[in-house]
Amino acid sequence: MSATQIKDAILAFLAAAGAYIANILGGWDAMLKVLVAMMCADYVTGLIVAGVFKRSDKTETGKLSSDAGMRGLVKKCMVLLLVYISVLLDNATGAHYVRSAVLVFFIGNEGLSLLENIGLMGVPYPAFLKNMLQALHDKGDKGNDKTDDEHEEGDEHDGS
């Protein structure tokens, strides 16, 4: 077996594993992409805050810690587990909102954490971005994945 064949086999395995994971998480849609992007950005900026700026609130010294990094990865895996559970709940109940609400909640949560890391680096960000992420977090926490406009439109169409 040549190096190219080995590389191709590994890439095929990784593609299949990624497709399987995306499928059990309800599909690789825009909301899952945003959550994964936020999770990655939050983790990387957390490493930068601790490694470069030495300002992490996860350790007493503020410096990089393998234990803190591992806890962060485990927490992010638990977020994905909750997304999986929400898919199962949607499927079991015939609902179509549990996954969306869970994703909206965690997009807001991860985004707020990302902004916190960016702030610890001394980088300013627009206040409306924090307000928007907080609103997403709150909507997801209430089990609500629709915007106020969508609710008003829905109310008009149901005859109430």
Protein backbone atom coordinates (compact mmCIF):
# COMPACT_ATOMS: atom_id res chain seq x y z
CA MET A 1 0.00 0.00 0.00
CA SER A 2 1.50 3.33 -1.07
CA ALA A 3 1.59 6.51 0.99
CA THR A 4 -1.04 8.05 -1.30
CA GLN A 5 -3.38 5.11 -0.76
CA ILE A 6 -2.90 5.32 3.00
CA LYS A 7 -3.58 9.08 2.93
CA ASP A 8 -6.70 8.54 0.81
CA ALA A 9 -7.96 5.82 3.17
CA ILE A 10 -7.45 8.07 6.20
CA LEU A 11 -9.20 10.98 4.49
CA ALA A 12 -12.09 8.72 3.45
CA PHE A 13 -12.45 7.48 7.03
CA LEU A 14 -12.40 11.05 8.40
CA ALA A 15 -14.99 12.16 5.83
CA ALA A 16 -17.26 9.24 6.72
CA ALA A 17 -16.86 9.91 10.44
CA GLY A 18 -17.61 13.62 9.94
CA ALA A 19 -20.69 12.84 7.87
CA TYR A 20 -21.93 10.37 10.49
CA ILE A 21 -21.42 12.86 13.34
CA ALA A 22 -23.12 15.67 11.40
CA ASN A 23 -26.03 13.33 10.64
CA ILE A 24 -26.61 12.30 14.26
CA LEU A 25 -26.45 15.98 15.24
CA GLY A 26 -29.40 16.69 12.93
CA GLY A 27 -27.52 17.62 9.76
CA TRP A 28 -24.76 20.02 8.78
CA ASP A 29 -27.03 23.06 8.53
CA ALA A 30 -26.24 26.72 9.11
CA MET A 31 -26.99 26.63 12.84
CA LEU A 32 -24.70 23.66 13.50
CA LYS A 33 -21.97 25.32 11.41
CA VAL A 34 -22.30 28.51 13.47
CA LEU A 35 -22.15 26.56 16.74
CA VAL A 36 -19.07 24.59 15.70
CA ALA A 37 -17.38 27.77 14.45
CA MET A 38 -18.18 29.55 17.73
CA MET A 39 -16.90 26.59 19.76
CA CYS A 40 -13.62 26.48 17.83
CA ALA A 41 -13.13 30.24 17.98
CA ASP A 42 -13.90 30.28 21.72
CA TYR A 43 -11.43 27.48 22.40
CA VAL A 44 -8.66 29.06 20.31
CA THR A 45 -9.17 32.51 21.83
CA GLY A 46 -9.17 30.90 25.29
CA LEU A 47 -5.78 29.38 24.49
CA ILE A 48 -4.53 32.78 23.31
CA VAL A 49 -5.82 34.56 26.43
CA ALA A 50 -4.03 32.05 28.66
CA GLY A 51 -0.92 31.43 26.56
CA VAL A 52 -0.14 34.91 25.26
CA PHE A 53 -1.92 37.35 27.58
CA LYS A 54 -1.78 35.23 30.78
CA ARG A 55 -5.24 36.55 31.75
CA SER A 56 -7.36 33.38 31.88
CA ASP A 57 -9.90 33.15 34.68
CA LYS A 58 -9.68 29.33 34.46
CA THR A 59 -6.44 29.13 36.47
CA GLU A 60 -5.06 30.91 39.53
CA THR A 61 -2.07 32.22 37.59
CA GLY A 62 -4.04 33.09 34.46
CA LYS A 63 -1.61 31.01 32.43
CA LEU A 64 -2.11 28.08 30.09
CA SER A 65 -3.09 24.83 31.84
CA SER A 66 -3.55 21.42 30.25
CA ASP A 67 -6.18 20.60 32.90
CA ALA A 68 -8.19 23.73 32.07
CA GLY A 69 -7.85 23.01 28.36
CA MET A 70 -9.08 19.45 28.82
CA ARG A 71 -12.04 20.64 30.92
CA GLY A 72 -12.90 23.06 28.12
CA LEU A 73 -12.84 20.29 25.50
CA VAL A 74 -14.96 18.01 27.69
CA LYS A 75 -17.53 20.79 28.17
CA LYS A 76 -17.72 21.34 24.42
CA CYS A 77 -18.24 17.61 23.89
CA MET A 78 -21.09 17.77 26.42
CA VAL A 79 -22.65 20.61 24.42
CA LEU A 80 -22.59 18.37 21.33
CA LEU A 81 -24.08 15.56 23.42
CA LEU A 82 -26.96 17.88 24.36
CA VAL A 83 -27.48 18.69 20.67
CA TYR A 84 -27.65 14.93 19.98
CA ILE A 85 -30.15 14.44 22.82
CA SER A 86 -32.25 17.30 21.44
CA VAL A 87 -32.35 15.57 18.02
CA LEU A 88 -33.55 12.39 19.72
CA LEU A 89 -36.22 14.35 21.61
CA ASP A 90 -37.42 16.00 18.40
CA ASN A 91 -37.61 12.59 16.72
CA ALA A 92 -39.34 10.91 19.67
CA THR A 93 -41.99 13.62 20.11
CA GLY A 94 -42.46 14.67 16.51
CA ALA A 95 -41.41 18.17 17.51
CA HIS A 96 -39.22 20.31 15.32
CA TYR A 97 -37.94 22.94 17.74
CA VAL A 98 -35.93 21.30 20.53
CA ARG A 99 -32.71 21.02 18.50
CA SER A 100 -33.11 24.55 17.17
CA ALA A 101 -33.66 25.98 20.65
CA VAL A 102 -30.66 24.08 22.04
CA LEU A 103 -28.48 25.31 19.17
CA VAL A 104 -29.66 28.91 19.59
CA PHE A 105 -28.91 28.75 23.34
CA PHE A 106 -25.40 27.40 22.84
CA ILE A 107 -24.61 29.72 19.92
CA GLY A 108 -25.40 32.61 22.25
CA ASN A 109 -23.45 31.03 25.10
CA GLU A 110 -20.35 30.29 23.01
CA GLY A 111 -20.53 33.72 21.38
CA LEU A 112 -20.65 35.48 24.75
CA SER A 113 -17.65 33.45 25.91
CA LEU A 114 -15.82 34.35 22.70
CA LEU A 115 -16.51 38.06 23.29
CA GLU A 116 -15.29 37.70 26.87
CA ASN A 117 -12.01 36.24 25.59
CA ILE A 118 -11.69 39.00 22.99
CA GLY A 119 -12.31 41.58 25.71
CA LEU A 120 -9.59 40.03 27.91
CA MET A 121 -7.21 40.61 24.99
CA GLY A 122 -8.13 44.30 25.02
CA VAL A 123 -9.91 44.16 21.66
CA PRO A 124 -13.07 46.29 21.54
CA TYR A 125 -16.26 44.94 19.99
CA PRO A 126 -19.63 46.55 19.25
CA ALA A 127 -22.13 46.44 22.09
CA PHE A 128 -24.92 45.34 19.74
CA LEU A 129 -23.03 42.09 19.10
CA LYS A 130 -23.03 41.25 22.80
CA ASN A 131 -26.72 42.23 23.03
CA MET A 132 -27.57 40.03 20.04
CA LEU A 133 -25.71 37.02 21.47
CA GLN A 134 -27.37 37.55 24.86
CA ALA A 135 -30.78 37.65 23.15
CA LEU A 136 -30.01 34.38 21.33
CA HIS A 137 -28.91 32.80 24.59
CA ASP A 138 -32.11 33.94 26.32
CA LYS A 139 -34.37 32.78 23.45
CA GLY A 140 -32.75 29.36 23.46
CA ASP A 141 -33.03 29.16 27.24
CA LYS A 142 -36.78 29.71 26.95
CA GLY A 143 -37.07 27.00 24.27
CA ASN A 144 -37.70 29.64 21.65
CA ASP A 145 -35.82 29.60 18.34
CA LYS A 146 -37.92 32.15 16.44
CA THR A 147 -37.40 35.87 16.16
CA ASP A 148 -40.07 38.30 17.35
CA ASP A 149 -41.00 39.01 13.69
CA GLU A 150 -41.60 35.30 13.03
CA HIS A 151 -43.85 35.09 16.10
CA GLU A 152 -45.88 38.09 14.97
CA GLU A 153 -46.27 36.59 11.49
CA GLY A 154 -47.27 33.26 13.01
CA ASP A 155 -49.80 34.93 15.27
CA GLU A 156 -51.39 36.70 12.31
CA HIS A 157 -51.75 33.46 10.37
CA ASP A 158 -53.34 31.38 13.12
CA GLY A 159 -56.40 33.58 13.39
CA SER A 160 -55.68 34.94 16.86
